[in-house]
mmCIF file of all heavy atoms, coordinates in Angstrom:
data_MODEL
# 
_entry.id   MODEL 
# 
loop_
_atom_site.group_PDB 
_atom_site.id 
_atom_site.type_symbol 
_atom_site.label_atom_id 
_atom_site.label_alt_id 
_atom_site.label_comp_id 
_atom_site.label_asym_id 
_atom_site.label_entity_id 
_atom_site.label_seq_id 
_atom_site.pdbx_PDB_ins_code 
_atom_site.Cartn_x 
_atom_site.Cartn_y 
_atom_site.Cartn_z 
_atom_site.occupancy 
_atom_site.B_iso_or_equiv 
_atom_site.pdbx_formal_charge 
_atom_site.auth_seq_id 
_atom_site.auth_comp_id 
_atom_site.auth_asym_id 
_atom_site.auth_atom_id 
_atom_site.pdbx_PDB_model_num 
ATOM 1   N N   . SER A 1 1  ? 2.032   4.947   9.236   1.00 0.00 ? 1  SER A N   1 
ATOM 2   C CA  . SER A 1 1  ? 2.780   3.761   9.408   1.00 0.00 ? 1  SER A CA  1 
ATOM 3   C C   . SER A 1 1  ? 1.934   2.625   8.901   1.00 0.00 ? 1  SER A C   1 
ATOM 4   O O   . SER A 1 1  ? 0.689   2.646   8.914   1.00 0.00 ? 1  SER A O   1 
ATOM 5   C CB  . SER A 1 1  ? 3.075   3.398   10.849  1.00 0.00 ? 1  SER A CB  1 
ATOM 6   O OG  . SER A 1 1  ? 3.884   4.354   11.446  1.00 0.00 ? 1  SER A OG  1 
ATOM 7   N N   . CYS A 1 2  ? 2.583   1.611   8.329   1.00 0.00 ? 2  CYS A N   1 
ATOM 8   C CA  . CYS A 1 2  ? 1.806   0.357   7.839   1.00 0.00 ? 2  CYS A CA  1 
ATOM 9   C C   . CYS A 1 2  ? 2.615   -0.839  8.244   1.00 0.00 ? 2  CYS A C   1 
ATOM 10  O O   . CYS A 1 2  ? 3.788   -1.103  7.774   1.00 0.00 ? 2  CYS A O   1 
ATOM 11  C CB  . CYS A 1 2  ? 1.611   0.464   6.279   1.00 0.00 ? 2  CYS A CB  1 
ATOM 12  S SG  . CYS A 1 2  ? 0.926   -1.083  5.572   1.00 0.00 ? 2  CYS A SG  1 
ATOM 13  N N   . GLY A 1 3  ? 2.010   -1.673  9.035   1.00 0.00 ? 3  GLY A N   1 
ATOM 14  C CA  . GLY A 1 3  ? 2.708   -2.912  9.412   1.00 0.00 ? 3  GLY A CA  1 
ATOM 15  C C   . GLY A 1 3  ? 1.885   -4.087  8.955   1.00 0.00 ? 3  GLY A C   1 
ATOM 16  O O   . GLY A 1 3  ? 0.727   -4.213  8.988   1.00 0.00 ? 3  GLY A O   1 
ATOM 17  N N   . ALA A 1 4  ? 2.743   -5.122  8.485   1.00 0.00 ? 4  ALA A N   1 
ATOM 18  C CA  . ALA A 1 4  ? 2.207   -6.397  7.914   1.00 0.00 ? 4  ALA A CA  1 
ATOM 19  C C   . ALA A 1 4  ? 2.319   -7.452  8.975   1.00 0.00 ? 4  ALA A C   1 
ATOM 20  O O   . ALA A 1 4  ? 3.207   -7.578  9.712   1.00 0.00 ? 4  ALA A O   1 
ATOM 21  C CB  . ALA A 1 4  ? 2.909   -6.745  6.610   1.00 0.00 ? 4  ALA A CB  1 
ATOM 22  N N   . SER A 1 5  ? 1.232   -8.231  8.943   1.00 0.00 ? 5  SER A N   1 
ATOM 23  C CA  . SER A 1 5  ? 1.204   -9.471  9.862   1.00 0.00 ? 5  SER A CA  1 
ATOM 24  C C   . SER A 1 5  ? 0.693   -10.677 9.073   1.00 0.00 ? 5  SER A C   1 
ATOM 25  O O   . SER A 1 5  ? 0.179   -10.482 8.001   1.00 0.00 ? 5  SER A O   1 
ATOM 26  C CB  . SER A 1 5  ? 0.379   -9.196  11.114  1.00 0.00 ? 5  SER A CB  1 
ATOM 27  O OG  . SER A 1 5  ? -0.990  -8.955  10.742  1.00 0.00 ? 5  SER A OG  1 
ATOM 28  N N   . GLY A 1 6  ? 0.828   -11.833 9.659   1.00 0.00 ? 6  GLY A N   1 
ATOM 29  C CA  . GLY A 1 6  ? 0.505   -13.081 8.994   1.00 0.00 ? 6  GLY A CA  1 
ATOM 30  C C   . GLY A 1 6  ? 1.637   -13.627 8.152   1.00 0.00 ? 6  GLY A C   1 
ATOM 31  O O   . GLY A 1 6  ? 2.784   -13.266 8.365   1.00 0.00 ? 6  GLY A O   1 
ATOM 32  N N   . THR A 1 7  ? 1.368   -14.647 7.438   1.00 0.00 ? 7  THR A N   1 
ATOM 33  C CA  . THR A 1 7  ? 2.377   -15.354 6.695   1.00 0.00 ? 7  THR A CA  1 
ATOM 34  C C   . THR A 1 7  ? 2.718   -14.500 5.490   1.00 0.00 ? 7  THR A C   1 
ATOM 35  O O   . THR A 1 7  ? 2.053   -14.598 4.450   1.00 0.00 ? 7  THR A O   1 
ATOM 36  C CB  . THR A 1 7  ? 1.833   -16.756 6.296   1.00 0.00 ? 7  THR A CB  1 
ATOM 37  O OG1 . THR A 1 7  ? 1.446   -17.474 7.531   1.00 0.00 ? 7  THR A OG1 1 
ATOM 38  C CG2 . THR A 1 7  ? 2.919   -17.486 5.621   1.00 0.00 ? 7  THR A CG2 1 
ATOM 39  N N   . ILE A 1 8  ? 3.809   -13.778 5.541   1.00 0.00 ? 8  ILE A N   1 
ATOM 40  C CA  . ILE A 1 8  ? 4.331   -13.008 4.456   1.00 0.00 ? 8  ILE A CA  1 
ATOM 41  C C   . ILE A 1 8  ? 5.819   -13.063 4.431   1.00 0.00 ? 8  ILE A C   1 
ATOM 42  O O   . ILE A 1 8  ? 6.417   -12.852 5.493   1.00 0.00 ? 8  ILE A O   1 
ATOM 43  C CB  . ILE A 1 8  ? 3.742   -11.600 4.491   1.00 0.00 ? 8  ILE A CB  1 
ATOM 44  C CG1 . ILE A 1 8  ? 4.224   -10.774 3.278   1.00 0.00 ? 8  ILE A CG1 1 
ATOM 45  C CG2 . ILE A 1 8  ? 4.126   -10.848 5.707   1.00 0.00 ? 8  ILE A CG2 1 
ATOM 46  C CD1 . ILE A 1 8  ? 3.428   -9.460  3.125   1.00 0.00 ? 8  ILE A CD1 1 
ATOM 47  N N   . PHE A 1 9  ? 6.392   -13.378 3.355   1.00 0.00 ? 9  PHE A N   1 
ATOM 48  C CA  . PHE A 1 9  ? 7.743   -13.455 3.183   1.00 0.00 ? 9  PHE A CA  1 
ATOM 49  C C   . PHE A 1 9  ? 8.269   -12.804 1.892   1.00 0.00 ? 9  PHE A C   1 
ATOM 50  O O   . PHE A 1 9  ? 7.481   -12.529 1.022   1.00 0.00 ? 9  PHE A O   1 
ATOM 51  C CB  . PHE A 1 9  ? 8.325   -14.917 3.108   1.00 0.00 ? 9  PHE A CB  1 
ATOM 52  C CG  . PHE A 1 9  ? 7.874   -15.760 4.349   1.00 0.00 ? 9  PHE A CG  1 
ATOM 53  C CD1 . PHE A 1 9  ? 6.757   -16.500 4.265   1.00 0.00 ? 9  PHE A CD1 1 
ATOM 54  C CD2 . PHE A 1 9  ? 8.590   -15.643 5.542   1.00 0.00 ? 9  PHE A CD2 1 
ATOM 55  C CE1 . PHE A 1 9  ? 6.416   -17.256 5.425   1.00 0.00 ? 9  PHE A CE1 1 
ATOM 56  C CE2 . PHE A 1 9  ? 8.294   -16.326 6.542   1.00 0.00 ? 9  PHE A CE2 1 
ATOM 57  C CZ  . PHE A 1 9  ? 7.189   -17.194 6.569   1.00 0.00 ? 9  PHE A CZ  1 
ATOM 58  N N   . SER A 1 10 ? 9.544   -12.526 1.765   1.00 0.00 ? 10 SER A N   1 
ATOM 59  C CA  . SER A 1 10 ? 10.104  -12.039 0.603   1.00 0.00 ? 10 SER A CA  1 
ATOM 60  C C   . SER A 1 10 ? 9.461   -10.787 0.108   1.00 0.00 ? 10 SER A C   1 
ATOM 61  O O   . SER A 1 10 ? 9.104   -10.579 -1.116  1.00 0.00 ? 10 SER A O   1 
ATOM 62  C CB  . SER A 1 10 ? 10.199  -12.981 -0.541  1.00 0.00 ? 10 SER A CB  1 
ATOM 63  O OG  . SER A 1 10 ? 10.914  -14.194 -0.108  1.00 0.00 ? 10 SER A OG  1 
ATOM 64  N N   . ILE A 1 11 ? 9.351   -9.820  1.059   1.00 0.00 ? 11 ILE A N   1 
ATOM 65  C CA  . ILE A 1 11 ? 8.765   -8.579  0.668   1.00 0.00 ? 11 ILE A CA  1 
ATOM 66  C C   . ILE A 1 11 ? 9.599   -7.759  -0.169  1.00 0.00 ? 11 ILE A C   1 
ATOM 67  O O   . ILE A 1 11 ? 10.714  -7.545  0.126   1.00 0.00 ? 11 ILE A O   1 
ATOM 68  C CB  . ILE A 1 11 ? 8.323   -7.652  1.937   1.00 0.00 ? 11 ILE A CB  1 
ATOM 69  C CG1 . ILE A 1 11 ? 7.335   -8.397  2.804   1.00 0.00 ? 11 ILE A CG1 1 
ATOM 70  C CG2 . ILE A 1 11 ? 7.893   -6.332  1.642   1.00 0.00 ? 11 ILE A CG2 1 
ATOM 71  C CD1 . ILE A 1 11 ? 7.036   -7.673  4.139   1.00 0.00 ? 11 ILE A CD1 1 
ATOM 72  N N   . ASP A 1 12 ? 9.077   -7.285  -1.299  1.00 0.00 ? 12 ASP A N   1 
ATOM 73  C CA  . ASP A 1 12 ? 9.786   -6.428  -2.251  1.00 0.00 ? 12 ASP A CA  1 
ATOM 74  C C   . ASP A 1 12 ? 9.275   -5.004  -2.103  1.00 0.00 ? 12 ASP A C   1 
ATOM 75  O O   . ASP A 1 12 ? 9.875   -4.180  -1.424  1.00 0.00 ? 12 ASP A O   1 
ATOM 76  C CB  . ASP A 1 12 ? 9.617   -6.997  -3.712  1.00 0.00 ? 12 ASP A CB  1 
ATOM 77  C CG  . ASP A 1 12 ? 10.476  -6.198  -4.706  1.00 0.00 ? 12 ASP A CG  1 
ATOM 78  O OD1 . ASP A 1 12 ? 11.375  -5.506  -4.209  1.00 0.00 ? 12 ASP A OD1 1 
ATOM 79  O OD2 . ASP A 1 12 ? 10.237  -6.249  -5.866  1.00 0.00 ? 12 ASP A OD2 1 
ATOM 80  N N   . VAL A 1 13 ? 8.245   -4.693  -2.824  1.00 0.00 ? 13 VAL A N   1 
ATOM 81  C CA  . VAL A 1 13 ? 7.780   -3.347  -2.802  1.00 0.00 ? 13 VAL A CA  1 
ATOM 82  C C   . VAL A 1 13 ? 6.886   -3.042  -1.637  1.00 0.00 ? 13 VAL A C   1 
ATOM 83  O O   . VAL A 1 13 ? 6.022   -3.864  -1.282  1.00 0.00 ? 13 VAL A O   1 
ATOM 84  C CB  . VAL A 1 13 ? 6.914   -3.097  -4.075  1.00 0.00 ? 13 VAL A CB  1 
ATOM 85  C CG1 . VAL A 1 13 ? 6.312   -1.719  -4.045  1.00 0.00 ? 13 VAL A CG1 1 
ATOM 86  C CG2 . VAL A 1 13 ? 7.818   -3.291  -5.388  1.00 0.00 ? 13 VAL A CG2 1 
ATOM 87  N N   . MET A 1 14 ? 7.176   -1.981  -0.989  1.00 0.00 ? 14 MET A N   1 
ATOM 88  C CA  . MET A 1 14 ? 6.240   -1.417  0.030   1.00 0.00 ? 14 MET A CA  1 
ATOM 89  C C   . MET A 1 14 ? 5.960   0.033   -0.405  1.00 0.00 ? 14 MET A C   1 
ATOM 90  O O   . MET A 1 14 ? 6.906   0.822   -0.615  1.00 0.00 ? 14 MET A O   1 
ATOM 91  C CB  . MET A 1 14 ? 6.873   -1.420  1.395   1.00 0.00 ? 14 MET A CB  1 
ATOM 92  C CG  . MET A 1 14 ? 7.402   -2.836  1.883   1.00 0.00 ? 14 MET A CG  1 
ATOM 93  S SD  . MET A 1 14 ? 8.088   -2.860  3.506   1.00 0.00 ? 14 MET A SD  1 
ATOM 94  C CE  . MET A 1 14 ? 6.598   -2.850  4.490   1.00 0.00 ? 14 MET A CE  1 
ATOM 95  N N   . ALA A 1 15 ? 4.640   0.402   -0.518  1.00 0.00 ? 15 ALA A N   1 
ATOM 96  C CA  . ALA A 1 15 ? 4.345   1.615   -1.077  1.00 0.00 ? 15 ALA A CA  1 
ATOM 97  C C   . ALA A 1 15 ? 3.123   2.204   -0.497  1.00 0.00 ? 15 ALA A C   1 
ATOM 98  O O   . ALA A 1 15 ? 2.323   1.585   0.330   1.00 0.00 ? 15 ALA A O   1 
ATOM 99  C CB  . ALA A 1 15 ? 4.020   1.500   -2.588  1.00 0.00 ? 15 ALA A CB  1 
ATOM 100 N N   . TRP A 1 16 ? 2.909   3.567   -0.734  1.00 0.00 ? 16 TRP A N   1 
ATOM 101 C CA  . TRP A 1 16 ? 1.810   4.359   -0.247  1.00 0.00 ? 16 TRP A CA  1 
ATOM 102 C C   . TRP A 1 16 ? 1.083   4.914   -1.446  1.00 0.00 ? 16 TRP A C   1 
ATOM 103 O O   . TRP A 1 16 ? 1.680   5.510   -2.321  1.00 0.00 ? 16 TRP A O   1 
ATOM 104 C CB  . TRP A 1 16 ? 2.201   5.439   0.682   1.00 0.00 ? 16 TRP A CB  1 
ATOM 105 C CG  . TRP A 1 16 ? 2.622   5.021   2.082   1.00 0.00 ? 16 TRP A CG  1 
ATOM 106 C CD1 . TRP A 1 16 ? 3.927   4.835   2.487   1.00 0.00 ? 16 TRP A CD1 1 
ATOM 107 C CD2 . TRP A 1 16 ? 1.747   4.680   3.159   1.00 0.00 ? 16 TRP A CD2 1 
ATOM 108 N NE1 . TRP A 1 16 ? 3.812   4.380   3.769   1.00 0.00 ? 16 TRP A NE1 1 
ATOM 109 C CE2 . TRP A 1 16 ? 2.615   4.337   4.233   1.00 0.00 ? 16 TRP A CE2 1 
ATOM 110 C CE3 . TRP A 1 16 ? 0.323   4.682   3.293   1.00 0.00 ? 16 TRP A CE3 1 
ATOM 111 C CZ2 . TRP A 1 16 ? 1.998   3.925   5.411   1.00 0.00 ? 16 TRP A CZ2 1 
ATOM 112 C CZ3 . TRP A 1 16 ? -0.180  4.278   4.538   1.00 0.00 ? 16 TRP A CZ3 1 
ATOM 113 C CH2 . TRP A 1 16 ? 0.705   3.950   5.541   1.00 0.00 ? 16 TRP A CH2 1 
ATOM 114 N N   . TYR A 1 17 ? -0.235  4.833   -1.561  1.00 0.00 ? 17 TYR A N   1 
ATOM 115 C CA  . TYR A 1 17 ? -1.158  5.376   -2.450  1.00 0.00 ? 17 TYR A CA  1 
ATOM 116 C C   . TYR A 1 17 ? -2.125  6.211   -1.726  1.00 0.00 ? 17 TYR A C   1 
ATOM 117 O O   . TYR A 1 17 ? -2.413  6.108   -0.527  1.00 0.00 ? 17 TYR A O   1 
ATOM 118 C CB  . TYR A 1 17 ? -1.901  4.310   -3.219  1.00 0.00 ? 17 TYR A CB  1 
ATOM 119 C CG  . TYR A 1 17 ? -1.064  3.589   -4.132  1.00 0.00 ? 17 TYR A CG  1 
ATOM 120 C CD1 . TYR A 1 17 ? -0.158  2.575   -3.763  1.00 0.00 ? 17 TYR A CD1 1 
ATOM 121 C CD2 . TYR A 1 17 ? -1.201  3.672   -5.593  1.00 0.00 ? 17 TYR A CD2 1 
ATOM 122 C CE1 . TYR A 1 17 ? 0.617   1.813   -4.612  1.00 0.00 ? 17 TYR A CE1 1 
ATOM 123 C CE2 . TYR A 1 17 ? -0.427  2.999   -6.445  1.00 0.00 ? 17 TYR A CE2 1 
ATOM 124 C CZ  . TYR A 1 17 ? 0.504   2.050   -5.969  1.00 0.00 ? 17 TYR A CZ  1 
ATOM 125 O OH  . TYR A 1 17 ? 1.247   1.331   -6.913  1.00 0.00 ? 17 TYR A OH  1 
ATOM 126 N N   . ARG A 1 18 ? -2.758  7.163   -2.486  1.00 0.00 ? 18 ARG A N   1 
ATOM 127 C CA  . ARG A 1 18 ? -3.835  7.992   -1.896  1.00 0.00 ? 18 ARG A CA  1 
ATOM 128 C C   . ARG A 1 18 ? -5.046  8.035   -2.978  1.00 0.00 ? 18 ARG A C   1 
ATOM 129 O O   . ARG A 1 18 ? -4.715  7.897   -4.149  1.00 0.00 ? 18 ARG A O   1 
ATOM 130 C CB  . ARG A 1 18 ? -3.392  9.363   -1.593  1.00 0.00 ? 18 ARG A CB  1 
ATOM 131 C CG  . ARG A 1 18 ? -3.080  10.235  -2.787  1.00 0.00 ? 18 ARG A CG  1 
ATOM 132 C CD  . ARG A 1 18 ? -2.522  11.636  -2.241  1.00 0.00 ? 18 ARG A CD  1 
ATOM 133 N NE  . ARG A 1 18 ? -2.335  12.576  -3.272  1.00 0.00 ? 18 ARG A NE  1 
ATOM 134 C CZ  . ARG A 1 18 ? -1.397  13.519  -3.292  1.00 0.00 ? 18 ARG A CZ  1 
ATOM 135 N NH1 . ARG A 1 18 ? -0.532  13.585  -2.313  1.00 0.00 ? 18 ARG A NH1 1 
ATOM 136 N NH2 . ARG A 1 18 ? -1.305  14.316  -4.338  1.00 0.00 ? 18 ARG A NH2 1 
ATOM 137 N N   . GLN A 1 19 ? -6.206  8.142   -2.413  1.00 0.00 ? 19 GLN A N   1 
ATOM 138 C CA  . GLN A 1 19 ? -7.375  8.183   -3.271  1.00 0.00 ? 19 GLN A CA  1 
ATOM 139 C C   . GLN A 1 19 ? -8.452  9.098   -2.704  1.00 0.00 ? 19 GLN A C   1 
ATOM 140 O O   . GLN A 1 19 ? -8.887  8.894   -1.604  1.00 0.00 ? 19 GLN A O   1 
ATOM 141 C CB  . GLN A 1 19 ? -7.867  6.715   -3.485  1.00 0.00 ? 19 GLN A CB  1 
ATOM 142 C CG  . GLN A 1 19 ? -9.067  6.523   -4.386  1.00 0.00 ? 19 GLN A CG  1 
ATOM 143 C CD  . GLN A 1 19 ? -9.375  5.055   -4.631  1.00 0.00 ? 19 GLN A CD  1 
ATOM 144 O OE1 . GLN A 1 19 ? -9.190  4.215   -3.780  1.00 0.00 ? 19 GLN A OE1 1 
ATOM 145 N NE2 . GLN A 1 19 ? -9.886  4.795   -5.833  1.00 0.00 ? 19 GLN A NE2 1 
ATOM 146 N N   . ALA A 1 20 ? -8.919  9.936   -3.517  1.00 0.00 ? 20 ALA A N   1 
ATOM 147 C CA  . ALA A 1 20 ? -10.093 10.758  -3.182  1.00 0.00 ? 20 ALA A CA  1 
ATOM 148 C C   . ALA A 1 20 ? -11.335 10.058  -3.792  1.00 0.00 ? 20 ALA A C   1 
ATOM 149 O O   . ALA A 1 20 ? -11.310 9.249   -4.716  1.00 0.00 ? 20 ALA A O   1 
ATOM 150 C CB  . ALA A 1 20 ? -9.984  12.154  -3.818  1.00 0.00 ? 20 ALA A CB  1 
ATOM 151 N N   . PRO A 1 21 ? -12.475 10.313  -3.131  1.00 0.00 ? 21 PRO A N   1 
ATOM 152 C CA  . PRO A 1 21 ? -13.778 9.622   -3.594  1.00 0.00 ? 21 PRO A CA  1 
ATOM 153 C C   . PRO A 1 21 ? -13.977 9.910   -5.078  1.00 0.00 ? 21 PRO A C   1 
ATOM 154 O O   . PRO A 1 21 ? -13.910 11.056  -5.575  1.00 0.00 ? 21 PRO A O   1 
ATOM 155 C CB  . PRO A 1 21 ? -14.820 10.434  -2.741  1.00 0.00 ? 21 PRO A CB  1 
ATOM 156 C CG  . PRO A 1 21 ? -14.113 10.760  -1.529  1.00 0.00 ? 21 PRO A CG  1 
ATOM 157 C CD  . PRO A 1 21 ? -12.724 11.159  -1.964  1.00 0.00 ? 21 PRO A CD  1 
ATOM 158 N N   . GLY A 1 22 ? -14.258 8.898   -5.809  1.00 0.00 ? 22 GLY A N   1 
ATOM 159 C CA  . GLY A 1 22 ? -14.603 8.928   -7.211  1.00 0.00 ? 22 GLY A CA  1 
ATOM 160 C C   . GLY A 1 22 ? -13.331 9.213   -8.166  1.00 0.00 ? 22 GLY A C   1 
ATOM 161 O O   . GLY A 1 22 ? -13.532 9.376   -9.386  1.00 0.00 ? 22 GLY A O   1 
ATOM 162 N N   . LYS A 1 23 ? -12.224 9.129   -7.625  1.00 0.00 ? 23 LYS A N   1 
ATOM 163 C CA  . LYS A 1 23 ? -11.025 9.348   -8.375  1.00 0.00 ? 23 LYS A CA  1 
ATOM 164 C C   . LYS A 1 23 ? -10.100 8.180   -8.289  1.00 0.00 ? 23 LYS A C   1 
ATOM 165 O O   . LYS A 1 23 ? -10.259 7.267   -7.484  1.00 0.00 ? 23 LYS A O   1 
ATOM 166 C CB  . LYS A 1 23 ? -10.332 10.614  -7.933  1.00 0.00 ? 23 LYS A CB  1 
ATOM 167 C CG  . LYS A 1 23 ? -11.110 11.917  -8.103  1.00 0.00 ? 23 LYS A CG  1 
ATOM 168 C CD  . LYS A 1 23 ? -10.219 13.069  -7.728  1.00 0.00 ? 23 LYS A CD  1 
ATOM 169 C CE  . LYS A 1 23 ? -11.011 14.378  -7.884  1.00 0.00 ? 23 LYS A CE  1 
ATOM 170 N NZ  . LYS A 1 23 ? -10.257 15.560  -7.539  1.00 0.00 ? 23 LYS A NZ  1 
ATOM 171 N N   . GLN A 1 24 ? -9.143  8.197   -9.210  1.00 0.00 ? 24 GLN A N   1 
ATOM 172 C CA  . GLN A 1 24 ? -8.072  7.058   -9.306  1.00 0.00 ? 24 GLN A CA  1 
ATOM 173 C C   . GLN A 1 24 ? -7.220  7.057   -8.004  1.00 0.00 ? 24 GLN A C   1 
ATOM 174 O O   . GLN A 1 24 ? -6.882  8.111   -7.505  1.00 0.00 ? 24 GLN A O   1 
ATOM 175 C CB  . GLN A 1 24 ? -7.312  7.156   -10.603 1.00 0.00 ? 24 GLN A CB  1 
ATOM 176 C CG  . GLN A 1 24 ? -8.088  7.007   -11.864 1.00 0.00 ? 24 GLN A CG  1 
ATOM 177 C CD  . GLN A 1 24 ? -7.177  7.028   -13.063 1.00 0.00 ? 24 GLN A CD  1 
ATOM 178 O OE1 . GLN A 1 24 ? -6.090  7.612   -13.035 1.00 0.00 ? 24 GLN A OE1 1 
ATOM 179 N NE2 . GLN A 1 24 ? -7.565  6.422   -14.146 1.00 0.00 ? 24 GLN A NE2 1 
ATOM 180 N N   . ARG A 1 25 ? -6.802  5.813   -7.700  1.00 0.00 ? 25 ARG A N   1 
ATOM 181 C CA  . ARG A 1 25 ? -5.818  5.721   -6.683  1.00 0.00 ? 25 ARG A CA  1 
ATOM 182 C C   . ARG A 1 25 ? -4.460  6.113   -7.218  1.00 0.00 ? 25 ARG A C   1 
ATOM 183 O O   . ARG A 1 25 ? -4.119  5.598   -8.346  1.00 0.00 ? 25 ARG A O   1 
ATOM 184 C CB  . ARG A 1 25 ? -5.766  4.294   -6.102  1.00 0.00 ? 25 ARG A CB  1 
ATOM 185 C CG  . ARG A 1 25 ? -5.044  4.093   -4.927  1.00 0.00 ? 25 ARG A CG  1 
ATOM 186 C CD  . ARG A 1 25 ? -5.262  2.736   -4.266  1.00 0.00 ? 25 ARG A CD  1 
ATOM 187 N NE  . ARG A 1 25 ? -6.673  2.608   -3.818  1.00 0.00 ? 25 ARG A NE  1 
ATOM 188 C CZ  . ARG A 1 25 ? -7.099  1.568   -3.179  1.00 0.00 ? 25 ARG A CZ  1 
ATOM 189 N NH1 . ARG A 1 25 ? -6.314  0.505   -2.894  1.00 0.00 ? 25 ARG A NH1 1 
ATOM 190 N NH2 . ARG A 1 25 ? -8.392  1.517   -2.808  1.00 0.00 ? 25 ARG A NH2 1 
ATOM 191 N N   . LYS A 1 26 ? -3.727  6.926   -6.593  1.00 0.00 ? 26 LYS A N   1 
ATOM 192 C CA  . LYS A 1 26 ? -2.383  7.414   -7.081  1.00 0.00 ? 26 LYS A CA  1 
ATOM 193 C C   . LYS A 1 26 ? -1.327  7.075   -6.199  1.00 0.00 ? 26 LYS A C   1 
ATOM 194 O O   . LYS A 1 26 ? -1.404  7.143   -4.965  1.00 0.00 ? 26 LYS A O   1 
ATOM 195 C CB  . LYS A 1 26 ? -2.495  8.974   -7.207  1.00 0.00 ? 26 LYS A CB  1 
ATOM 196 C CG  . LYS A 1 26 ? -3.573  9.506   -8.144  1.00 0.00 ? 26 LYS A CG  1 
ATOM 197 C CD  . LYS A 1 26 ? -3.575  10.977  -8.194  1.00 0.00 ? 26 LYS A CD  1 
ATOM 198 C CE  . LYS A 1 26 ? -4.581  11.596  -9.160  1.00 0.00 ? 26 LYS A CE  1 
ATOM 199 N NZ  . LYS A 1 26 ? -4.609  13.028  -9.185  1.00 0.00 ? 26 LYS A NZ  1 
ATOM 200 N N   . LEU A 1 27 ? -0.171  6.744   -6.807  1.00 0.00 ? 27 LEU A N   1 
ATOM 201 C CA  . LEU A 1 27 ? 1.001   6.383   -6.119  1.00 0.00 ? 27 LEU A CA  1 
ATOM 202 C C   . LEU A 1 27 ? 1.658   7.582   -5.513  1.00 0.00 ? 27 LEU A C   1 
ATOM 203 O O   . LEU A 1 27 ? 1.841   8.613   -6.193  1.00 0.00 ? 27 LEU A O   1 
ATOM 204 C CB  . LEU A 1 27 ? 2.054   5.699   -7.035  1.00 0.00 ? 27 LEU A CB  1 
ATOM 205 C CG  . LEU A 1 27 ? 3.385   5.297   -6.446  1.00 0.00 ? 27 LEU A CG  1 
ATOM 206 C CD1 . LEU A 1 27 ? 3.196   4.355   -5.294  1.00 0.00 ? 27 LEU A CD1 1 
ATOM 207 C CD2 . LEU A 1 27 ? 4.280   4.765   -7.522  1.00 0.00 ? 27 LEU A CD2 1 
ATOM 208 N N   . VAL A 1 28 ? 1.981   7.486   -4.214  1.00 0.00 ? 28 VAL A N   1 
ATOM 209 C CA  . VAL A 1 28 ? 2.649   8.613   -3.518  1.00 0.00 ? 28 VAL A CA  1 
ATOM 210 C C   . VAL A 1 28 ? 4.107   8.376   -3.388  1.00 0.00 ? 28 VAL A C   1 
ATOM 211 O O   . VAL A 1 28 ? 4.940   9.247   -3.736  1.00 0.00 ? 28 VAL A O   1 
ATOM 212 C CB  . VAL A 1 28 ? 2.040   8.856   -2.051  1.00 0.00 ? 28 VAL A CB  1 
ATOM 213 C CG1 . VAL A 1 28 ? 2.719   9.995   -1.407  1.00 0.00 ? 28 VAL A CG1 1 
ATOM 214 C CG2 . VAL A 1 28 ? 0.458   9.166   -2.244  1.00 0.00 ? 28 VAL A CG2 1 
# 
């Protein structure tokens, strides 16, 4: 789960990425 707080409006993209040490962050 990922929840946003603070002043944020007009949310478009919500996404998950993963990253192993020393490697590129990849879109899941």
